Amino acid sequence: MPMTIQETKQAIEQDRTHWQIPLMEFVDEFRRTRDQALFAVPFPQGDERLDALLASTVESVCDEFGLEAPEWVWNVPACRKPWFVSGLEGVKAITIVESPVYFRRRKIFVLANFLDRV
């Protein structure tokens, strides 16, 4: 069963250690189906970093397919402090340069290939 953005957030909240798994399952499902219903309804906000990450992810995959992001993503604010998702000091500088605009504008710093699959 496809995971909506709300279900993705719930799965991440239940297991913060492996948050990448439900995030990438959501991304994979959208790439496979291109079903905008997966994020038509916004998730309840309350976790600054996770909310910003999910909204940025939705914007990024929409852009990938030339789709307009849903209006609700504009209501998801940036993190108050910059968040370097990898947590590795050695990649901070490169993420500042590489981070896609959808993440950077919410003060989230990731590598350019963050949503790529190997």
N, C-alpha and C. Protein backbone atom coordinates (compact mmCIF):
# COMPACT_ATOMS: atom_id res chain seq x y z
N MET A 1 0.84 -1.19 0.00
CA MET A 1 0.00 0.00 0.00
C MET A 1 0.88 1.25 0.00
N PRO A 2 0.61 2.21 -0.87
CA PRO A 2 1.42 3.42 -0.94
C PRO A 2 1.36 4.21 0.37
N MET A 3 2.50 4.79 0.73
CA MET A 3 2.55 5.61 1.94
C MET A 3 2.35 7.07 1.57
N THR A 4 1.36 7.69 2.18
CA THR A 4 1.14 9.12 1.99
C THR A 4 2.20 9.88 2.78
N ILE A 5 2.24 11.16 2.59
CA ILE A 5 3.19 11.98 3.33
C ILE A 5 2.87 11.95 4.83
N GLN A 6 1.58 11.86 5.18
CA GLN A 6 1.20 11.76 6.60
C GLN A 6 1.70 10.44 7.20
N GLU A 7 1.53 9.35 6.47
CA GLU A 7 1.98 8.04 6.95
C GLU A 7 3.50 7.98 7.03
N THR A 8 4.16 8.66 6.11
CA THR A 8 5.62 8.72 6.12
C THR A 8 6.09 9.42 7.39
N LYS A 9 5.44 10.53 7.72
CA LYS A 9 5.82 11.25 8.93
C LYS A 9 5.60 10.37 10.16
N GLN A 10 4.48 9.69 10.22
CA GLN A 10 4.20 8.81 11.37
C GLN A 10 5.25 7.70 11.49
N ALA A 11 5.63 7.11 10.37
CA ALA A 11 6.63 6.04 10.38
C ALA A 11 7.98 6.56 10.88
N ILE A 12 8.35 7.75 10.46
CA ILE A 12 9.61 8.33 10.90
C ILE A 12 9.56 8.64 12.39
N GLU A 13 8.45 9.17 12.85
CA GLU A 13 8.31 9.49 14.28
C GLU A 13 8.38 8.23 15.14
N GLN A 14 7.95 7.10 14.60
CA GLN A 14 7.99 5.85 15.36
C GLN A 14 9.38 5.24 15.41
N ASP A 15 10.23 5.54 14.43
CA ASP A 15 11.58 4.99 14.40
C ASP A 15 12.54 6.02 13.84
N ARG A 16 13.01 6.90 14.69
CA ARG A 16 13.90 7.98 14.27
C ARG A 16 15.28 7.48 13.85
N THR A 17 15.65 6.31 14.28
CA THR A 17 16.96 5.76 13.93
C THR A 17 17.05 5.45 12.45
N HIS A 18 15.97 4.97 11.88
CA HIS A 18 15.96 4.56 10.48
C HIS A 18 15.02 5.42 9.64
N TRP A 19 15.02 6.72 9.87
CA TRP A 19 14.09 7.63 9.22
C TRP A 19 14.24 7.64 7.70
N GLN A 20 15.43 7.29 7.21
CA GLN A 20 15.67 7.33 5.77
C GLN A 20 14.80 6.30 5.03
N ILE A 21 14.49 5.19 5.69
CA ILE A 21 13.73 4.13 5.01
C ILE A 21 12.33 4.59 4.61
N PRO A 22 11.50 5.06 5.55
CA PRO A 22 10.18 5.52 5.10
C PRO A 22 10.25 6.73 4.17
N LEU A 23 11.24 7.61 4.36
CA LEU A 23 11.37 8.76 3.47
C LEU A 23 11.61 8.29 2.04
N MET A 24 12.54 7.39 1.86
CA MET A 24 12.85 6.92 0.51
C MET A 24 11.75 6.03 -0.05
N GLU A 25 11.02 5.32 0.81
CA GLU A 25 9.87 4.55 0.33
C GLU A 25 8.81 5.49 -0.25
N PHE A 26 8.60 6.61 0.42
CA PHE A 26 7.67 7.61 -0.08
C PHE A 26 8.15 8.15 -1.43
N VAL A 27 9.42 8.52 -1.50
CA VAL A 27 9.99 9.07 -2.74
C VAL A 27 9.88 8.04 -3.86
N ASP A 28 10.23 6.79 -3.57
CA ASP A 28 10.14 5.73 -4.58
C ASP A 28 8.71 5.55 -5.08
N GLU A 29 7.77 5.56 -4.14
CA GLU A 29 6.36 5.38 -4.52
C GLU A 29 5.89 6.51 -5.41
N PHE A 30 6.26 7.74 -5.07
CA PHE A 30 5.85 8.85 -5.91
C PHE A 30 6.49 8.76 -7.29
N ARG A 31 7.77 8.44 -7.33
CA ARG A 31 8.45 8.32 -8.62
C ARG A 31 7.83 7.22 -9.47
N ARG A 32 7.39 6.16 -8.83
CA ARG A 32 6.79 5.04 -9.55
C ARG A 32 5.40 5.40 -10.08
N THR A 33 4.59 6.05 -9.24
CA THR A 33 3.19 6.29 -9.59
C THR A 33 2.90 7.71 -10.07
N ARG A 34 3.70 8.65 -9.62
CA ARG A 34 3.46 10.09 -9.86
C ARG A 34 2.07 10.50 -9.39
N ASP A 35 1.64 9.86 -8.33
CA ASP A 35 0.32 10.11 -7.76
C ASP A 35 0.39 11.25 -6.74
N GLN A 36 -0.10 12.41 -7.15
CA GLN A 36 -0.05 13.58 -6.28
C GLN A 36 -0.97 13.45 -5.06
N ALA A 37 -1.84 12.47 -5.08
CA ALA A 37 -2.69 12.23 -3.91
C ALA A 37 -1.85 11.81 -2.70
N LEU A 38 -0.63 11.34 -2.93
CA LEU A 38 0.25 10.93 -1.83
C LEU A 38 0.61 12.11 -0.92
N PHE A 39 0.51 13.31 -1.44
CA PHE A 39 0.83 14.49 -0.63
C PHE A 39 -0.21 15.60 -0.78
N ALA A 40 -1.39 15.24 -1.23
CA ALA A 40 -2.45 16.24 -1.41
C ALA A 40 -2.91 16.82 -0.08
N VAL A 41 -2.88 16.02 0.96
CA VAL A 41 -3.31 16.46 2.29
C VAL A 41 -2.06 16.67 3.14
N PRO A 42 -1.90 17.84 3.73
CA PRO A 42 -0.69 18.09 4.53
C PRO A 42 -0.66 17.26 5.80
N PHE A 43 0.54 17.05 6.28
CA PHE A 43 0.72 16.35 7.55
C PHE A 43 0.57 17.37 8.68
N PRO A 44 0.20 16.92 9.89
CA PRO A 44 0.15 17.85 11.01
C PRO A 44 1.57 18.27 11.39
N GLN A 45 1.75 19.56 11.55
CA GLN A 45 3.08 20.07 11.90
C GLN A 45 3.32 20.01 13.40
N GLY A 46 4.59 19.98 13.76
CA GLY A 46 4.93 19.96 15.17
C GLY A 46 6.37 19.57 15.43
N ASP A 47 7.09 19.19 14.38
CA ASP A 47 8.49 18.81 14.50
C ASP A 47 9.24 19.62 13.45
N GLU A 48 9.89 20.68 13.89
CA GLU A 48 10.51 21.64 12.99
C GLU A 48 11.37 21.00 11.90
N ARG A 49 12.30 20.16 12.28
CA ARG A 49 13.22 19.56 11.31
C ARG A 49 12.49 18.58 10.37
N LEU A 50 11.73 17.69 10.94
CA LEU A 50 11.04 16.69 10.13
C LEU A 50 10.03 17.35 9.19
N ASP A 51 9.30 18.32 9.68
CA ASP A 51 8.33 19.02 8.84
C ASP A 51 9.02 19.69 7.65
N ALA A 52 10.14 20.37 7.93
CA ALA A 52 10.88 21.05 6.87
C ALA A 52 11.46 20.04 5.87
N LEU A 53 11.96 18.93 6.38
CA LEU A 53 12.52 17.89 5.52
C LEU A 53 11.46 17.32 4.59
N LEU A 54 10.30 17.00 5.13
CA LEU A 54 9.23 16.42 4.32
C LEU A 54 8.69 17.40 3.28
N ALA A 55 8.49 18.65 3.68
CA ALA A 55 8.00 19.65 2.73
C ALA A 55 9.01 19.87 1.61
N SER A 56 10.28 19.91 1.96
CA SER A 56 11.33 20.09 0.95
C SER A 56 11.40 18.90 0.02
N THR A 57 11.20 17.71 0.56
CA THR A 57 11.20 16.50 -0.26
C THR A 57 10.05 16.54 -1.26
N VAL A 58 8.87 16.93 -0.80
CA VAL A 58 7.71 17.03 -1.70
C VAL A 58 8.00 18.03 -2.81
N GLU A 59 8.55 19.18 -2.46
CA GLU A 59 8.88 20.18 -3.49
C GLU A 59 9.90 19.63 -4.49
N SER A 60 10.87 18.92 -3.98
CA SER A 60 11.93 18.39 -4.84
C SER A 60 11.40 17.37 -5.84
N VAL A 61 10.57 16.43 -5.37
CA VAL A 61 10.05 15.42 -6.30
C VAL A 61 9.04 16.02 -7.28
N CYS A 62 8.32 17.03 -6.85
CA CYS A 62 7.42 17.72 -7.78
C CYS A 62 8.23 18.37 -8.90
N ASP A 63 9.30 19.04 -8.52
CA ASP A 63 10.15 19.70 -9.51
C ASP A 63 10.75 18.67 -10.47
N GLU A 64 11.13 17.54 -9.94
CA GLU A 64 11.73 16.48 -10.75
C GLU A 64 10.82 16.09 -11.92
N PHE A 65 9.51 16.14 -11.71
CA PHE A 65 8.56 15.75 -12.75
C PHE A 65 7.81 16.93 -13.35
N GLY A 66 8.28 18.15 -13.07
CA GLY A 66 7.66 19.34 -13.65
C GLY A 66 6.26 19.61 -13.14
N LEU A 67 6.00 19.22 -11.90
CA LEU A 67 4.69 19.41 -11.29
C LEU A 67 4.73 20.56 -10.29
N GLU A 68 3.61 21.20 -10.12
CA GLU A 68 3.52 22.27 -9.13
C GLU A 68 3.35 21.65 -7.74
N ALA A 69 4.14 22.12 -6.81
CA ALA A 69 4.05 21.61 -5.43
C ALA A 69 2.73 22.07 -4.82
N PRO A 70 2.18 21.30 -3.90
CA PRO A 70 0.92 21.71 -3.27
C PRO A 70 1.11 22.99 -2.45
N GLU A 71 0.05 23.75 -2.33
CA GLU A 71 0.09 25.03 -1.62
C GLU A 71 0.55 24.89 -0.17
N TRP A 72 0.21 23.80 0.48
CA TRP A 72 0.52 23.66 1.91
C TRP A 72 2.01 23.68 2.21
N VAL A 73 2.86 23.34 1.24
CA VAL A 73 4.30 23.33 1.54
C VAL A 73 4.81 24.73 1.91
N TRP A 74 4.13 25.76 1.41
CA TRP A 74 4.57 27.13 1.71
C TRP A 74 4.29 27.50 3.17
N ASN A 75 3.45 26.73 3.84
CA ASN A 75 3.15 26.98 5.25
C ASN A 75 4.11 26.27 6.20
N VAL A 76 5.06 25.55 5.65
CA VAL A 76 6.04 24.82 6.48
C VAL A 76 7.29 25.70 6.58
N PRO A 77 7.58 26.19 7.77
CA PRO A 77 8.70 27.12 7.92
C PRO A 77 10.07 26.44 7.87
N ALA A 78 11.06 27.28 7.74
CA ALA A 78 12.46 26.83 7.79
C ALA A 78 12.83 26.46 9.22
N CYS A 79 13.85 25.66 9.33
CA CYS A 79 14.40 25.36 10.66
C CYS A 79 14.96 26.65 11.25
N ARG A 80 14.86 26.81 12.54
CA ARG A 80 15.43 28.00 13.16
C ARG A 80 16.95 28.01 13.06
N LYS A 81 17.55 26.84 13.24
CA LYS A 81 19.00 26.70 13.11
C LYS A 81 19.29 25.81 11.91
N PRO A 82 20.36 26.08 11.18
CA PRO A 82 20.71 25.20 10.07
C PRO A 82 20.84 23.75 10.53
N TRP A 83 20.36 22.84 9.69
CA TRP A 83 20.43 21.41 9.99
C TRP A 83 21.24 20.73 8.90
N PHE A 84 22.38 20.19 9.31
CA PHE A 84 23.22 19.42 8.41
C PHE A 84 22.85 17.96 8.63
N VAL A 85 22.05 17.43 7.73
CA VAL A 85 21.40 16.15 7.91
C VAL A 85 22.39 15.01 8.15
N SER A 86 23.51 15.01 7.46
CA SER A 86 24.48 13.92 7.60
C SER A 86 25.09 13.89 9.00
N GLY A 87 25.18 15.06 9.63
CA GLY A 87 25.80 15.14 10.94
C GLY A 87 27.32 15.01 10.89
N LEU A 88 27.89 14.90 9.71
CA LEU A 88 29.33 14.75 9.56
C LEU A 88 29.98 16.10 9.31
N GLU A 89 30.88 16.45 10.17
CA GLU A 89 31.57 17.74 10.09
C GLU A 89 32.27 17.91 8.74
N GLY A 90 32.85 16.83 8.23
CA GLY A 90 33.64 16.88 7.01
C GLY A 90 32.85 17.19 5.75
N VAL A 91 31.54 17.04 5.77
CA VAL A 91 30.74 17.31 4.56
C VAL A 91 29.91 18.59 4.66
N LYS A 92 30.05 19.31 5.76
CA LYS A 92 29.25 20.53 5.92
C LYS A 92 29.49 21.53 4.79
N ALA A 93 30.74 21.79 4.47
CA ALA A 93 31.05 22.79 3.44
C ALA A 93 30.46 22.40 2.09
N ILE A 94 30.59 21.14 1.73
CA ILE A 94 30.08 20.72 0.42
C ILE A 94 28.55 20.75 0.40
N THR A 95 27.90 20.45 1.53
CA THR A 95 26.43 20.50 1.53
C THR A 95 25.92 21.93 1.42
N ILE A 96 26.66 22.87 1.94
CA ILE A 96 26.26 24.28 1.80
C ILE A 96 26.22 24.66 0.32
N VAL A 97 27.17 24.16 -0.44
CA VAL A 97 27.25 24.46 -1.87
C VAL A 97 26.25 23.62 -2.67
N GLU A 98 26.14 22.32 -2.34
CA GLU A 98 25.35 21.38 -3.16
C GLU A 98 23.87 21.32 -2.83
N SER A 99 23.49 21.67 -1.64
CA SER A 99 22.12 21.45 -1.19
C SER A 99 21.10 22.06 -2.16
N PRO A 100 20.15 21.25 -2.65
CA PRO A 100 19.13 21.78 -3.55
C PRO A 100 18.33 22.90 -2.89
N VAL A 101 17.87 23.84 -3.69
CA VAL A 101 17.18 25.03 -3.19
C VAL A 101 16.00 24.70 -2.28
N TYR A 102 15.28 23.62 -2.58
CA TYR A 102 14.10 23.27 -1.79
C TYR A 102 14.47 22.96 -0.35
N PHE A 103 15.65 22.44 -0.16
CA PHE A 103 16.14 22.13 1.19
C PHE A 103 16.83 23.36 1.78
N ARG A 104 17.68 23.98 1.00
CA ARG A 104 18.47 25.11 1.49
C ARG A 104 17.59 26.25 2.00
N ARG A 105 16.47 26.52 1.34
CA ARG A 105 15.64 27.64 1.78
C ARG A 105 14.97 27.36 3.13
N ARG A 106 14.97 26.10 3.53
CA ARG A 106 14.46 25.75 4.87
C ARG A 106 15.60 25.44 5.83
N LYS A 107 16.80 25.87 5.46
CA LYS A 107 18.02 25.71 6.27
C LYS A 107 18.35 24.24 6.53
N ILE A 108 18.07 23.41 5.52
CA ILE A 108 18.44 22.00 5.58
C ILE A 108 19.55 21.81 4.55
N PHE A 109 20.63 21.19 4.99
CA PHE A 109 21.77 21.02 4.11
C PHE A 109 22.07 19.54 3.88
N VAL A 110 21.97 19.16 2.62
CA VAL A 110 22.15 17.77 2.19
C VAL A 110 23.02 17.79 0.93
N LEU A 111 23.54 16.64 0.57
CA LEU A 111 24.27 16.53 -0.69
C LEU A 111 23.28 16.59 -1.85
N ALA A 112 23.76 16.96 -3.01
CA ALA A 112 22.90 17.09 -4.19
C ALA A 112 22.19 15.79 -4.53
N ASN A 113 22.79 14.66 -4.18
CA ASN A 113 22.20 13.36 -4.51
C ASN A 113 21.38 12.78 -3.35
N PHE A 114 20.96 13.61 -2.44
CA PHE A 114 20.25 13.17 -1.24
C PHE A 114 19.08 12.23 -1.53
N LEU A 115 18.30 12.53 -2.53
CA LEU A 115 17.11 11.70 -2.84
C LEU A 115 17.38 10.69 -3.95
N ASP A 116 18.63 10.55 -4.36
CA ASP A 116 18.96 9.57 -5.40
C ASP A 116 19.04 8.18 -4.81
N ARG A 117 18.77 7.21 -5.67
CA ARG A 117 18.92 5.81 -5.29
C ARG A 117 20.15 5.28 -6.00
N VAL A 118 20.84 4.40 -5.34
CA VAL A 118 22.06 3.84 -5.93
C VAL A 118 21.72 2.64 -6.78
